[in-house]
C-alpha atoms as a PDB file:
ATOM      1  CA  UNK A   1     -17.043 203.265 110.947  1.00  0.00           C
ATOM      2  CA  UNK A   2     -17.117 199.528 111.433  1.00  0.00           C
ATOM      3  CA  UNK A   3     -20.605 199.783 110.496  1.00  0.00           C
ATOM      4  CA  UNK A   4     -19.984 202.042 107.487  1.00  0.00           C
ATOM      5  CA  UNK A   5     -17.584 199.626 106.130  1.00  0.00           C
ATOM      6  CA  UNK A   6     -19.693 197.025 106.504  1.00  0.00           C
ATOM      7  CA  UNK A   7     -22.713 198.685 104.255  1.00  0.00           C
ATOM      8  CA  UNK A   8     -20.331 199.332 101.923  1.00  0.00           C
ATOM      9  CA  UNK A   9     -18.546 196.038 101.053  1.00  0.00           C
ATOM     10  CA  UNK A  10     -22.367 194.596 101.118  1.00  0.00           C
ATOM     11  CA  UNK A  11     -22.960 197.637  98.447  1.00  0.00           C
ATOM     12  CA  UNK A  12     -19.651 196.784  96.248  1.00  0.00           C
ATOM     13  CA  UNK A  13     -20.818 192.967  95.723  1.00  0.00           C
ATOM     14  CA  UNK A  14     -24.139 192.713  94.896  1.00  0.00           C
ATOM     15  CA  UNK A  15     -24.868 191.507  91.288  1.00  0.00           C
ATOM     16  CA  UNK A  16     -26.161 187.783  92.127  1.00  0.00           C
ATOM     17  CA  UNK A  17     -24.441 186.274  89.027  1.00  0.00           C
ATOM     18  CA  UNK A  18     -24.819 182.348  88.035  1.00  0.00           C
ATOM     19  CA  UNK A  19     -22.551 181.889  85.057  1.00  0.00           C
ATOM     20  CA  UNK A  20     -20.763 183.421  82.479  1.00  0.00           C
ATOM     21  CA  UNK A  21     -19.682 181.954  79.425  1.00  0.00           C
ATOM     22  CA  UNK A  22     -18.576 181.915  75.706  1.00  0.00           C
ATOM     23  CA  UNK A  23     -20.944 179.833  73.458  1.00  0.00           C
ATOM     24  CA  UNK A  24     -22.873 179.858  70.323  1.00  0.00           C
ATOM     25  CA  UNK A  25     -26.368 181.641  70.759  1.00  0.00           C
ATOM     26  CA  UNK A  26     -29.244 178.489  70.269  1.00  0.00           C
ATOM     27  CA  UNK A  27     -32.270 180.358  69.317  1.00  0.00           C
ATOM     28  CA  UNK A  28     -34.378 182.871  67.666  1.00  0.00           C
ATOM     29  CA  UNK A  29     -33.083 185.892  65.628  1.00  0.00           C
ATOM     30  CA  UNK A  30     -29.516 185.594  66.158  1.00  0.00           C
ATOM     31  CA  UNK A  31     -29.012 181.698  66.194  1.00  0.00           C
ATOM     32  CA  UNK A  32     -25.327 180.703  65.428  1.00  0.00           C
ATOM     33  CA  UNK A  33     -23.799 183.530  66.422  1.00  0.00           C
ATOM     34  CA  UNK A  34     -20.766 183.876  69.097  1.00  0.00           C
ATOM     35  CA  UNK A  35     -21.974 185.323  72.085  1.00  0.00           C
ATOM     36  CA  UNK A  36     -21.132 185.708  75.600  1.00  0.00           C
ATOM     37  CA  UNK A  37     -23.627 184.671  78.238  1.00  0.00           C
ATOM     38  CA  UNK A  38     -24.576 186.664  81.317  1.00  0.00           C
ATOM     39  CA  UNK A  39     -26.732 184.036  83.686  1.00  0.00           C
ATOM     40  CA  UNK A  40     -27.979 185.537  86.515  1.00  0.00           C
ATOM     41  CA  UNK A  41     -29.602 184.689  89.448  1.00  0.00           C
ATOM     42  CA  UNK A  42     -33.518 184.505  90.489  1.00  0.00           C
ATOM     43  CA  UNK A  43     -36.510 184.886  88.911  1.00  0.00           C
ATOM     44  CA  UNK A  44     -39.867 186.142  89.674  1.00  0.00           C
ATOM     45  CA  UNK A  45     -41.536 182.342  88.202  1.00  0.00           C
ATOM     46  CA  UNK A  46     -41.414 178.650  89.199  1.00  0.00           C
ATOM     47  CA  UNK A  47     -42.036 177.403  86.277  1.00  0.00           C
ATOM     48  CA  UNK A  48     -42.153 173.518  86.154  1.00  0.00           C
ATOM     49  CA  UNK A  49     -40.641 173.304  82.263  1.00  0.00           C
ATOM     50  CA  UNK A  50     -37.630 175.363  83.247  1.00  0.00           C
ATOM     51  CA  UNK A  51     -34.839 174.217  81.853  1.00  0.00           C
ATOM     52  CA  UNK A  52     -32.346 176.334  83.859  1.00  0.00           C
ATOM     53  CA  UNK A  53     -33.328 175.494  87.446  1.00  0.00           C
ATOM     54  CA  UNK A  54     -30.336 175.615  88.625  1.00  0.00           C
ATOM     55  CA  UNK A  55     -30.061 179.559  88.377  1.00  0.00           C
ATOM     56  CA  UNK A  56     -30.871 179.668  91.937  1.00  0.00           C
ATOM     57  CA  UNK A  57     -27.091 179.463  92.520  1.00  0.00           C
ATOM     58  CA  UNK A  58     -24.798 182.588  92.584  1.00  0.00           C
ATOM     59  CA  UNK A  59     -21.947 184.183  93.404  1.00  0.00           C
ATOM     60  CA  UNK A  60     -21.850 187.987  94.206  1.00  0.00           C
ATOM     61  CA  UNK A  61     -19.586 189.889  91.749  1.00  0.00           C
ATOM     62  CA  UNK A  62     -19.330 193.624  91.731  1.00  0.00           C
ATOM     63  CA  UNK A  63     -20.484 196.003  88.863  1.00  0.00           C
ATOM     64  CA  UNK A  64     -16.866 196.539  88.233  1.00  0.00           C
ATOM     65  CA  UNK A  65     -15.992 193.098  87.970  1.00  0.00           C
ATOM     66  CA  UNK A  66     -18.777 192.249  85.891  1.00  0.00           C
ATOM     67  CA  UNK A  67     -17.815 195.390  83.274  1.00  0.00           C
ATOM     68  CA  UNK A  68     -14.466 193.793  83.448  1.00  0.00           C
ATOM     69  CA  UNK A  69     -15.599 190.358  82.414  1.00  0.00           C
ATOM     70  CA  UNK A  70     -17.083 191.186  79.972  1.00  0.00           C
ATOM     71  CA  UNK A  71     -14.418 194.053  78.764  1.00  0.00           C
ATOM     72  CA  UNK A  72     -11.758 191.045  78.272  1.00  0.00           C
ATOM     73  CA  UNK A  73     -13.921 188.552  76.754  1.00  0.00           C
ATOM     74  CA  UNK A  74     -13.327 189.363  73.286  1.00  0.00           C
ATOM     75  CA  UNK A  75     -16.916 188.870  72.563  1.00  0.00           C
ATOM     76  CA  UNK A  76     -18.834 191.063  70.653  1.00  0.00           C
ATOM     77  CA  UNK A  77     -22.511 190.491  72.059  1.00  0.00           C
ATOM     78  CA  UNK A  78     -23.270 189.885  75.393  1.00  0.00           C
ATOM     79  CA  UNK A  79     -26.945 188.058  76.237  1.00  0.00           C
ATOM     80  CA  UNK A  80     -28.291 188.594  79.732  1.00  0.00           C
ATOM     81  CA  UNK A  81     -30.056 185.801  80.260  1.00  0.00           C
ATOM     82  CA  UNK A  82     -31.656 184.090  83.712  1.00  0.00           C
ATOM     83  CA  UNK A  83     -33.704 183.431  85.835  1.00  0.00           C
ATOM     84  CA  UNK A  84     -34.919 187.016  85.072  1.00  0.00           C
ATOM     85  CA  UNK A  85     -32.097 189.310  84.455  1.00  0.00           C
ATOM     86  CA  UNK A  86     -34.480 192.600  85.076  1.00  0.00           C
ATOM     87  CA  UNK A  87     -34.449 191.761  88.886  1.00  0.00           C
ATOM     88  CA  UNK A  88     -31.710 193.109  88.491  1.00  0.00           C
ATOM     89  CA  UNK A  89     -31.902 195.846  85.866  1.00  0.00           C
ATOM     90  CA  UNK A  90     -30.574 199.014  88.029  1.00  0.00           C
ATOM     91  CA  UNK A  91     -26.976 197.158  88.170  1.00  0.00           C
ATOM     92  CA  UNK A  92     -27.255 196.030  84.640  1.00  0.00           C
ATOM     93  CA  UNK A  93     -27.538 199.082  83.033  1.00  0.00           C
ATOM     94  CA  UNK A  94     -24.376 200.179  85.005  1.00  0.00           C
ATOM     95  CA  UNK A  95     -22.356 197.439  83.217  1.00  0.00           C
ATOM     96  CA  UNK A  96     -23.468 198.367  80.341  1.00  0.00           C
ATOM     97  CA  UNK A  97     -22.534 202.190  80.661  1.00  0.00           C
ATOM     98  CA  UNK A  98     -19.037 200.654  81.289  1.00  0.00           C
ATOM     99  CA  UNK A  99     -19.047 198.279  78.464  1.00  0.00           C
ATOM    100  CA  UNK A 100     -20.199 200.687  75.708  1.00  0.00           C
ATOM    101  CA  UNK A 101     -18.504 199.132  72.835  1.00  0.00           C
ATOM    102  CA  UNK A 102     -20.386 195.856  73.591  1.00  0.00           C
ATOM    103  CA  UNK A 103     -23.718 195.129  71.837  1.00  0.00           C
ATOM    104  CA  UNK A 104     -26.278 194.071  74.694  1.00  0.00           C
ATOM    105  CA  UNK A 105     -29.067 191.369  74.449  1.00  0.00           C
ATOM    106  CA  UNK A 106     -31.920 190.498  76.949  1.00  0.00           C
ATOM    107  CA  UNK A 107     -33.578 187.647  76.839  1.00  0.00           C
ATOM    108  CA  UNK A 108     -37.042 187.882  79.925  1.00  0.00           C
ATOM    109  CA  UNK A 109     -40.135 186.151  80.571  1.00  0.00           C
ATOM    110  CA  UNK A 110     -41.582 190.125  79.827  1.00  0.00           C
ATOM    111  CA  UNK A 111     -43.517 190.091  83.345  1.00  0.00           C
ATOM    112  CA  UNK A 112     -41.363 193.171  84.504  1.00  0.00           C
ATOM    113  CA  UNK A 113     -40.643 194.523  80.673  1.00  0.00           C
ATOM    114  CA  UNK A 114     -42.848 198.095  80.421  1.00  0.00           C
ATOM    115  CA  UNK A 115     -43.374 200.910  77.826  1.00  0.00           C
ATOM    116  CA  UNK A 116     -42.084 203.353  80.399  1.00  0.00           C
ATOM    117  CA  UNK A 117     -39.036 201.506  81.287  1.00  0.00           C
ATOM    118  CA  UNK A 118     -37.396 202.552  77.441  1.00  0.00           C
ATOM    119  CA  UNK A 119     -35.256 199.293  77.591  1.00  0.00           C
ATOM    120  CA  UNK A 120     -35.097 199.334  74.003  1.00  0.00           C
ATOM    121  CA  UNK A 121     -32.656 202.573  74.510  1.00  0.00           C
ATOM    122  CA  UNK A 122     -30.695 200.404  76.757  1.00  0.00           C
ATOM    123  CA  UNK A 123     -30.342 196.893  75.126  1.00  0.00           C
ATOM    124  CA  UNK A 124     -29.709 196.338  71.288  1.00  0.00           C
ATOM    125  CA  UNK A 125     -31.878 193.882  71.174  1.00  0.00           C
ATOM    126  CA  UNK A 126     -34.988 192.121  73.263  1.00  0.00           C
ATOM    127  CA  UNK A 127     -36.076 188.231  73.211  1.00  0.00           C
ATOM    128  CA  UNK A 128     -39.299 187.940  75.029  1.00  0.00           C
ATOM    129  CA  UNK A 129     -40.514 184.806  76.258  1.00  0.00           C
ATOM    130  CA  UNK A 130     -43.660 185.486  78.332  1.00  0.00           C
ATOM    131  CA  UNK A 131     -45.423 182.848  80.484  1.00  0.00           C
ATOM    132  CA  UNK A 132     -48.743 184.199  80.607  1.00  0.00           C
ATOM    133  CA  UNK A 133     -51.483 185.686  78.329  1.00  0.00           C
ATOM    134  CA  UNK A 134     -51.557 188.939  80.084  1.00  0.00           C
ATOM    135  CA  UNK A 135     -47.805 189.473  79.842  1.00  0.00           C
ATOM    136  CA  UNK A 136     -48.422 188.702  76.230  1.00  0.00           C
ATOM    137  CA  UNK A 137     -51.226 190.753  75.332  1.00  0.00           C
ATOM    138  CA  UNK A 138     -49.030 193.459  76.987  1.00  0.00           C
ATOM    139  CA  UNK A 139     -46.363 193.076  75.653  1.00  0.00           C
ATOM    140  CA  UNK A 140     -48.036 192.812  71.999  1.00  0.00           C
ATOM    141  CA  UNK A 141     -49.881 196.268  72.392  1.00  0.00           C
ATOM    142  CA  UNK A 142     -46.565 198.077  72.955  1.00  0.00           C
ATOM    143  CA  UNK A 143     -44.104 195.951  70.827  1.00  0.00           C
ATOM    144  CA  UNK A 144     -43.871 198.927  68.566  1.00  0.00           C
ATOM    145  CA  UNK A 145     -42.137 200.960  70.926  1.00  0.00           C
ATOM    146  CA  UNK A 146     -39.091 198.713  70.799  1.00  0.00           C
ATOM    147  CA  UNK A 147     -38.061 199.972  67.006  1.00  0.00           C
ATOM    148  CA  UNK A 148     -37.755 196.440  65.500  1.00  0.00           C
ATOM    149  CA  UNK A 149     -35.538 195.571  68.554  1.00  0.00           C
ATOM    150  CA  UNK A 150     -38.270 192.676  70.112  1.00  0.00           C
ATOM    151  CA  UNK A 151     -39.282 189.413  68.864  1.00  0.00           C
ATOM    152  CA  UNK A 152     -41.974 187.378  71.091  1.00  0.00           C
ATOM    153  CA  UNK A 153     -40.819 183.393  71.669  1.00  0.00           C
ATOM    154  CA  UNK A 154     -43.864 181.598  72.085  1.00  0.00           C
ATOM    155  CA  UNK A 155     -42.798 177.611  73.402  1.00  0.00           C
ATOM    156  CA  UNK A 156     -45.418 175.016  72.545  1.00  0.00           C
ATOM    157  CA  UNK A 157     -46.441 171.334  74.168  1.00  0.00           C
ATOM    158  CA  UNK A 158     -47.724 170.860  70.529  1.00  0.00           C
ATOM    159  CA  UNK A 159     -51.038 170.291  72.368  1.00  0.00           C
ATOM    160  CA  UNK A 160     -51.852 174.051  72.736  1.00  0.00           C
ATOM    161  CA  UNK A 161     -52.326 175.233  69.364  1.00  0.00           C
ATOM    162  CA  UNK A 162     -55.304 177.045  70.348  1.00  0.00           C
ATOM    163  CA  UNK A 163     -53.871 179.063  73.038  1.00  0.00           C
ATOM    164  CA  UNK A 164     -54.084 182.859  72.480  1.00  0.00           C
ATOM    165  CA  UNK A 165     -50.076 183.393  72.945  1.00  0.00           C
ATOM    166  CA  UNK A 166     -49.274 181.813  69.831  1.00  0.00           C
ATOM    167  CA  UNK A 167     -51.587 184.338  68.286  1.00  0.00           C
ATOM    168  CA  UNK A 168     -48.757 186.647  68.737  1.00  0.00           C
ATOM    169  CA  UNK A 169     -45.683 185.038  68.199  1.00  0.00           C
ATOM    170  CA  UNK A 170     -42.529 185.964  66.396  1.00  0.00           C
ATOM    171  CA  UNK A 171     -41.435 182.475  66.849  1.00  0.00           C
ATOM    172  CA  UNK A 172     -42.543 179.208  67.704  1.00  0.00           C
ATOM    173  CA  UNK A 173     -40.224 177.062  70.054  1.00  0.00           C
ATOM    174  CA  UNK A 174     -40.930 173.461  71.029  1.00  0.00           C
ATOM    175  CA  UNK A 175     -41.159 172.394  74.582  1.00  0.00           C
ATOM    176  CA  UNK A 176     -38.192 170.312  75.918  1.00  0.00           C
ATOM    177  CA  UNK A 177     -39.017 167.402  77.837  1.00  0.00           C
ATOM    178  CA  UNK A 178     -37.473 164.108  79.383  1.00  0.00           C
ATOM    179  CA  UNK A 179     -38.255 161.880  76.988  1.00  0.00           C
ATOM    180  CA  UNK A 180     -36.629 161.708  73.781  1.00  0.00           C
ATOM    181  CA  UNK A 181     -39.949 160.213  72.247  1.00  0.00           C
ATOM    182  CA  UNK A 182     -42.244 162.993  72.886  1.00  0.00           C
ATOM    183  CA  UNK A 183     -39.451 165.820  72.069  1.00  0.00           C
ATOM    184  CA  UNK A 184     -39.431 164.523  68.591  1.00  0.00           C
ATOM    185  CA  UNK A 185     -42.980 164.263  68.373  1.00  0.00           C
ATOM    186  CA  UNK A 186     -43.427 167.931  69.646  1.00  0.00           C
ATOM    187  CA  UNK A 187     -40.978 169.227  67.405  1.00  0.00           C
ATOM    188  CA  UNK A 188     -42.838 167.895  64.289  1.00  0.00           C
ATOM    189  CA  UNK A 189     -45.903 169.033  65.593  1.00  0.00           C
ATOM    190  CA  UNK A 190     -45.123 173.048  65.866  1.00  0.00           C
ATOM    191  CA  UNK A 191     -42.928 172.244  62.728  1.00  0.00           C
ATOM    192  CA  UNK A 192     -46.794 171.904  60.921  1.00  0.00           C
ATOM    193  CA  UNK A 193     -48.190 174.348  63.099  1.00  0.00           C
ATOM    194  CA  UNK A 194     -45.429 177.008  61.971  1.00  0.00           C
ATOM    195  CA  UNK A 195     -46.059 176.292  58.493  1.00  0.00           C
ATOM    196  CA  UNK A 196     -49.764 176.168  58.367  1.00  0.00           C
ATOM    197  CA  UNK A 197     -49.782 179.756  60.330  1.00  0.00           C
ATOM    198  CA  UNK A 198     -46.552 181.522  58.759  1.00  0.00           C
ATOM    199  CA  UNK A 199     -44.732 181.017  61.974  1.00  0.00           C
ATOM    200  CA  UNK A 200     -41.148 180.912  62.412  1.00  0.00           C
ATOM    201  CA  UNK A 201     -39.963 177.518  63.807  1.00  0.00           C
ATOM    202  CA  UNK A 202     -37.046 178.180  66.520  1.00  0.00           C
ATOM    203  CA  UNK A 203     -35.302 175.055  66.932  1.00  0.00           C
ATOM    204  CA  UNK A 204     -32.548 175.380  70.356  1.00  0.00           C
ATOM    205  CA  UNK A 205     -29.479 174.475  68.517  1.00  0.00           C
ATOM    206  CA  UNK A 206     -27.369 173.972  71.666  1.00  0.00           C
ATOM    207  CA  UNK A 207     -29.553 171.320  72.893  1.00  0.00           C
ATOM    208  CA  UNK A 208     -29.590 169.807  69.683  1.00  0.00           C
ATOM    209  CA  UNK A 209     -25.670 169.426  70.032  1.00  0.00           C
ATOM    210  CA  UNK A 210     -25.194 169.386  73.693  1.00  0.00           C
ATOM    211  CA  UNK A 211     -28.136 168.141  75.151  1.00  0.00           C
ATOM    212  CA  UNK A 212     -28.945 169.751  78.160  1.00  0.00           C
ATOM    213  CA  UNK A 213     -25.095 170.308  78.951  1.00  0.00           C
ATOM    214  CA  UNK A 214     -24.889 173.096  81.568  1.00  0.00           C
ATOM    215  CA  UNK A 215     -22.503 175.996  79.993  1.00  0.00           C
ATOM    216  CA  UNK A 216     -23.163 175.814  76.059  1.00  0.00           C
END
């Protein structure tokens, strides 16, 4: 009995959650919309330019607890982000089953997003920000299967306009650095690229207002 109880307790508290907070979506198609962010811990990549490296910190929560947080939040839209939330997709699906009155969005790097997963039946909207050409090509190839629910957001340094990835972008977002002067130049350069190649410019509104403050 003792061993069984231990196994049950480990199973119960298994979602690794970095933070849950109410805010405004600052990027992409739903920019300006009030949402509940659920940032899950862990990622399959270690990007040097990651703006949420603190995602490795986590608390463990049960699926039932997560559903309770979401249902009690009074927010209509839930944004699953990370890290890389698809590392915990099995538990996310369970939470969504318990919060069906909510609209669920996904932010992912796309590495674990595949046609056969039918995640367009799980999430109302998917924002994919791929970090490799191979992932970008694969997602673009199968984009029609997402029924208009998927956007491709490509981050640009302002010096990578020959990159094949940018040709597939629905949105181009300027890379944010630790240097304000560099950030301004990158924004202007990306802005002009979007004008020239008819791409949507994606500004990080939350960073414009709050800087890199956590939880906004």
